[in-house]
Structure formats: C-alpha cells, structure tokens
Amino acid sequence: MNIRQDKLFLDGASAAAESKAALLENESVLTLEVTGTATEFTLKVMGTAADGQAQWVPLATINLTDFSVSDTISKTGIYSAALDGLRGVKLALESAAGGTVSAYGRMGE
C-alpha cells in the first residue's frame, strides 16, 4: 500500500467522542489499529461521499485477525475499511467503560 496519510484518530478516549475527519483525495483503504485498556467499547468508522454538511454513515470494517465484517468495532485489534469514492472518514466512539481507547490509522492506495 502506498501510504498517503497517517492519523491518530483517538488518543486515550475514556468516554463517547468523535475524531476530527480526515479529508480524502485518492485514498482507497484505511488500516486502523485499535488499542487501549477499556473492558467494553463501541467504535464506528464513519464515511461521507460529499463535502460540507454531508451525512456520515457507518462503514463496514474487516477484522484482520479473524476476517469478520461488521460496522461496529468492540475489541482491540487491526481493522481495514474501503474508502473508494469517499471524501472523508472519521471515528465515532459511542461508548467506553473500564479504561481508554486509542485508534491510529493509515490511509493509502
């Protein structure tokens, strides 16, 4: 993969939070590492295809350990999401309990 962007989406979040959006140009894939000490959490990768006040929708992610697919991440690990045709991507931590959640992503083509 030709890496075009690196982004620390979440850094030790312990409650519901939303990351700043990464604006996309030619990136086609996101590889995301989710770490932390939280015993329970709900995290979503959100994408939009439009600029401005666009609607953000949850993207399907692939858990690269067991290849399961879901629009919700609930355990630490490495995940992948397709970004083809999108203008932006961000993370939404809907809940976290018992610790913190961090998420670092690499986007490329």
Protein backbone atom coordinates (compact mmCIF):
# COMPACT_ATOMS: atom_id res chain seq x y z
CA MET A 1 0.00 0.00 0.00
CA ASN A 2 1.23 3.48 -0.87
CA ILE A 3 0.62 5.41 2.39
CA ARG A 4 -0.77 8.91 1.79
CA GLN A 5 -1.94 9.85 5.32
CA ASP A 6 -1.28 8.85 8.93
CA LYS A 7 -3.75 9.94 11.59
CA LEU A 8 -4.19 9.48 15.32
CA PHE A 9 -7.99 9.44 15.38
CA LEU A 10 -8.41 8.81 19.13
CA ASP A 11 -5.80 9.16 21.87
CA GLY A 12 -6.82 7.62 25.19
CA ALA A 13 -10.55 8.41 24.98
CA SER A 14 -12.48 7.18 28.02
CA ALA A 15 -15.98 8.40 27.10
CA ALA A 16 -18.05 8.96 23.97
CA ALA A 17 -16.04 11.03 21.48
CA GLU A 18 -15.80 11.81 17.80
CA SER A 19 -12.50 12.28 16.00
CA LYS A 20 -11.74 15.05 13.57
CA ALA A 21 -12.35 13.99 9.99
CA ALA A 22 -9.55 13.05 7.64
CA LEU A 23 -10.19 14.57 4.21
CA LEU A 24 -9.57 12.12 1.39
CA GLU A 25 -8.29 12.62 -2.14
CA ASN A 26 -7.14 9.36 -3.70
CA GLU A 27 -7.03 7.10 -0.65
CA SER A 28 -8.79 3.78 -1.21
CA VAL A 29 -8.16 1.88 2.03
CA LEU A 30 -7.89 2.54 5.76
CA THR A 31 -5.84 0.29 8.02
CA LEU A 32 -6.78 1.01 11.63
CA GLU A 33 -5.12 -0.17 14.84
CA VAL A 34 -7.38 0.00 17.89
CA THR A 35 -5.66 -0.25 21.29
CA GLY A 36 -6.45 0.53 24.88
CA THR A 37 -7.49 -0.73 28.28
CA ALA A 38 -11.27 -0.36 28.03
CA THR A 39 -13.11 -3.51 29.06
CA GLU A 40 -16.05 -2.60 26.81
CA PHE A 41 -16.39 -0.10 23.96
CA THR A 42 -18.34 0.60 20.79
CA LEU A 43 -16.46 2.27 17.93
CA LYS A 44 -17.60 3.03 14.39
CA VAL A 45 -15.69 4.10 11.29
CA MET A 46 -17.81 6.78 9.60
CA GLY A 47 -17.57 7.91 5.99
CA THR A 48 -19.07 10.57 3.75
CA ALA A 49 -19.08 10.96 -0.01
CA ALA A 50 -19.91 14.68 -0.05
CA ASP A 51 -18.33 17.90 1.19
CA GLY A 52 -19.79 20.35 3.69
CA GLN A 53 -22.78 19.33 5.80
CA ALA A 54 -22.74 15.77 4.50
CA GLN A 55 -24.36 12.74 6.05
CA TRP A 56 -21.89 10.45 7.82
CA VAL A 57 -22.66 6.73 7.69
CA PRO A 58 -21.00 3.73 9.37
CA LEU A 59 -18.63 1.77 7.13
CA ALA A 60 -18.13 -1.98 7.18
CA THR A 61 -14.78 -2.93 8.67
CA ILE A 62 -12.87 -6.18 8.36
CA ASN A 63 -11.17 -7.55 11.47
CA LEU A 64 -7.79 -8.60 10.07
CA THR A 65 -7.36 -11.28 12.74
CA ASP A 66 -10.45 -13.39 12.02
CA PHE A 67 -11.79 -11.67 8.84
CA SER A 68 -15.19 -10.98 10.39
CA VAL A 69 -17.05 -7.99 8.93
CA SER A 70 -19.12 -5.50 10.95
CA ASP A 71 -19.95 -1.80 11.11
CA THR A 72 -19.08 -1.83 14.84
CA ILE A 73 -15.67 -2.41 16.46
CA SER A 74 -15.83 -3.71 20.03
CA LYS A 75 -12.37 -5.16 20.67
CA THR A 76 -8.78 -4.11 20.16
CA GLY A 77 -7.02 -5.22 17.00
CA ILE A 78 -6.26 -4.25 13.44
CA TYR A 79 -9.08 -3.47 11.02
CA SER A 80 -9.48 -2.44 7.39
CA ALA A 81 -12.15 -0.39 5.62
CA ALA A 82 -12.64 0.52 1.96
CA LEU A 83 -12.53 4.26 1.23
CA ASP A 84 -13.07 4.29 -2.56
CA GLY A 85 -15.20 7.24 -3.61
CA LEU A 86 -15.36 8.86 -0.15
CA ARG A 87 -14.43 12.45 0.67
CA GLY A 88 -13.94 11.99 4.40
CA VAL A 89 -13.52 9.45 7.19
CA LYS A 90 -13.74 9.81 10.98
CA LEU A 91 -14.27 7.65 14.05
CA ALA A 92 -17.19 7.75 16.47
CA LEU A 93 -16.58 6.24 19.89
CA GLU A 94 -20.15 5.69 21.05
CA SER A 95 -19.25 4.31 24.50
CA ALA A 96 -16.28 3.17 26.57
CA ALA A 97 -16.09 1.59 30.02
CA GLY A 98 -13.29 0.46 32.29
CA GLY A 99 -10.43 2.24 30.57
CA THR A 100 -9.38 4.06 27.42
CA VAL A 101 -9.47 3.58 23.66
CA SER A 102 -6.92 4.81 21.11
CA ALA A 103 -7.08 4.44 17.33
CA TYR A 104 -4.34 5.12 14.79
CA GLY A 105 -4.98 4.87 11.06
CA ARG A 106 -3.00 4.75 7.84
CA MET A 107 -4.74 5.64 4.60
CA GLY A 108 -3.42 4.92 1.17
CA GLU A 109 -3.95 3.45 -2.23
